[in-house]
């Protein structure tokens, strides 16, 4: 039996965006496993996360994001940043409905 799912434009965009991110993360992690251990500087991490430096410093001071501190320098593992991003993933209505059935 075919079901019609009604969703808003924003929810649909979010589902598509999350699907694209998932595919890109899977492709990236399977293509070059050594790339997962890449160490980023603060500037590189900001670029990767698309965040301002001030925001990233705020996350580190509150210990909301994984980081490495060596002396006065901050470093970030790419794999840990990806995991941190995915922790914020919200389930779509379709995913929730699939779990319920």
Protein backbone atom coordinates (compact mmCIF):
# COMPACT_ATOMS: atom_id res chain seq x y z
CA UNK A 1 0.00 0.00 0.00
CA UNK A 2 1.43 3.37 -1.01
CA UNK A 3 1.55 6.02 1.68
CA UNK A 4 1.52 9.73 1.04
CA UNK A 5 3.76 11.65 3.40
CA UNK A 6 3.05 15.32 3.84
CA UNK A 7 5.99 17.47 4.86
CA UNK A 8 6.94 21.12 4.81
CA UNK A 9 9.47 22.62 2.42
CA UNK A 10 11.95 23.12 5.30
CA UNK A 11 11.63 19.51 6.46
CA UNK A 12 12.14 18.24 2.91
CA UNK A 13 15.23 20.44 2.46
CA UNK A 14 16.60 19.14 5.77
CA UNK A 15 16.04 15.51 4.72
CA UNK A 16 17.80 16.11 1.41
CA UNK A 17 20.69 17.96 3.06
CA UNK A 18 21.20 15.23 5.65
CA UNK A 19 21.09 12.57 2.94
CA UNK A 20 23.71 14.37 0.89
CA UNK A 21 25.95 14.83 3.95
CA UNK A 22 25.61 11.15 4.83
CA UNK A 23 26.61 10.07 1.33
CA UNK A 24 29.56 12.47 1.27
CA UNK A 25 30.78 11.36 4.70
CA UNK A 26 30.49 7.68 3.75
CA UNK A 27 32.27 8.22 0.45
CA UNK A 28 35.02 10.25 2.10
CA UNK A 29 35.59 7.76 4.92
CA UNK A 30 35.67 4.75 2.61
CA UNK A 31 37.89 6.39 -0.02
CA UNK A 32 40.84 7.31 2.19
CA UNK A 33 40.96 5.89 5.71
CA UNK A 34 44.20 7.76 6.51
CA UNK A 35 42.37 11.01 5.82
CA UNK A 36 40.31 10.40 8.98
CA UNK A 37 43.36 11.02 11.17
CA UNK A 38 44.08 14.39 9.60
CA UNK A 39 44.91 17.00 12.22
CA UNK A 40 43.46 20.47 11.68
CA UNK A 41 44.67 23.80 12.99
CA UNK A 42 42.06 26.18 14.37
CA UNK A 43 41.74 27.90 10.98
CA UNK A 44 41.39 24.61 9.11
CA UNK A 45 38.79 23.38 11.60
CA UNK A 46 36.84 26.62 11.19
CA UNK A 47 36.84 26.18 7.44
CA UNK A 48 35.84 22.51 7.69
CA UNK A 49 32.98 23.30 10.11
CA UNK A 50 32.08 26.61 8.49
CA UNK A 51 32.34 28.37 11.85
CA UNK A 52 33.92 31.61 12.99
CA UNK A 53 37.07 31.29 15.09
CA UNK A 54 35.34 32.97 18.02
CA UNK A 55 32.58 30.34 17.91
CA UNK A 56 35.07 27.48 17.83
CA UNK A 57 37.04 28.98 20.73
CA UNK A 58 33.77 29.25 22.65
CA UNK A 59 33.00 25.56 22.01
CA UNK A 60 36.46 24.53 23.22
CA UNK A 61 36.30 26.68 26.36
CA UNK A 62 32.95 25.05 27.23
CA UNK A 63 34.36 21.63 26.25
CA UNK A 64 31.51 21.13 23.78
CA UNK A 65 33.77 19.94 20.97
CA UNK A 66 36.69 17.48 20.98
CA UNK A 67 40.10 19.13 20.70
CA UNK A 68 43.78 18.68 21.42
CA UNK A 69 45.76 21.36 23.23
CA UNK A 70 49.53 21.41 22.93
CA UNK A 71 51.01 24.42 24.64
CA UNK A 72 48.87 27.36 23.61
CA UNK A 73 47.85 25.80 20.29
CA UNK A 74 44.57 24.01 19.56
CA UNK A 75 44.29 21.10 17.14
CA UNK A 76 41.37 19.00 15.97
CA UNK A 77 41.08 15.49 14.50
CA UNK A 78 38.96 15.42 11.37
CA UNK A 79 37.29 12.14 12.38
CA UNK A 80 36.31 13.55 15.78
CA UNK A 81 34.86 16.69 14.18
CA UNK A 82 32.78 14.54 11.83
CA UNK A 83 31.48 12.48 14.76
CA UNK A 84 30.70 15.66 16.67
CA UNK A 85 28.72 16.98 13.71
CA UNK A 86 26.75 13.77 13.37
CA UNK A 87 25.85 13.85 17.09
CA UNK A 88 23.72 16.89 16.27
CA UNK A 89 21.78 15.05 13.58
CA UNK A 90 18.03 15.15 14.07
CA UNK A 91 15.90 12.32 12.75
CA UNK A 92 13.52 13.08 9.93
CA UNK A 93 9.83 12.22 10.17
CA UNK A 94 10.44 9.34 7.76
CA UNK A 95 13.19 7.91 10.00
CA UNK A 96 11.00 8.21 13.09
CA UNK A 97 8.05 6.59 11.33
CA UNK A 98 10.29 3.78 10.08
CA UNK A 99 11.44 3.08 13.65
CA UNK A 100 7.85 3.05 14.92
CA UNK A 101 6.72 0.48 12.37
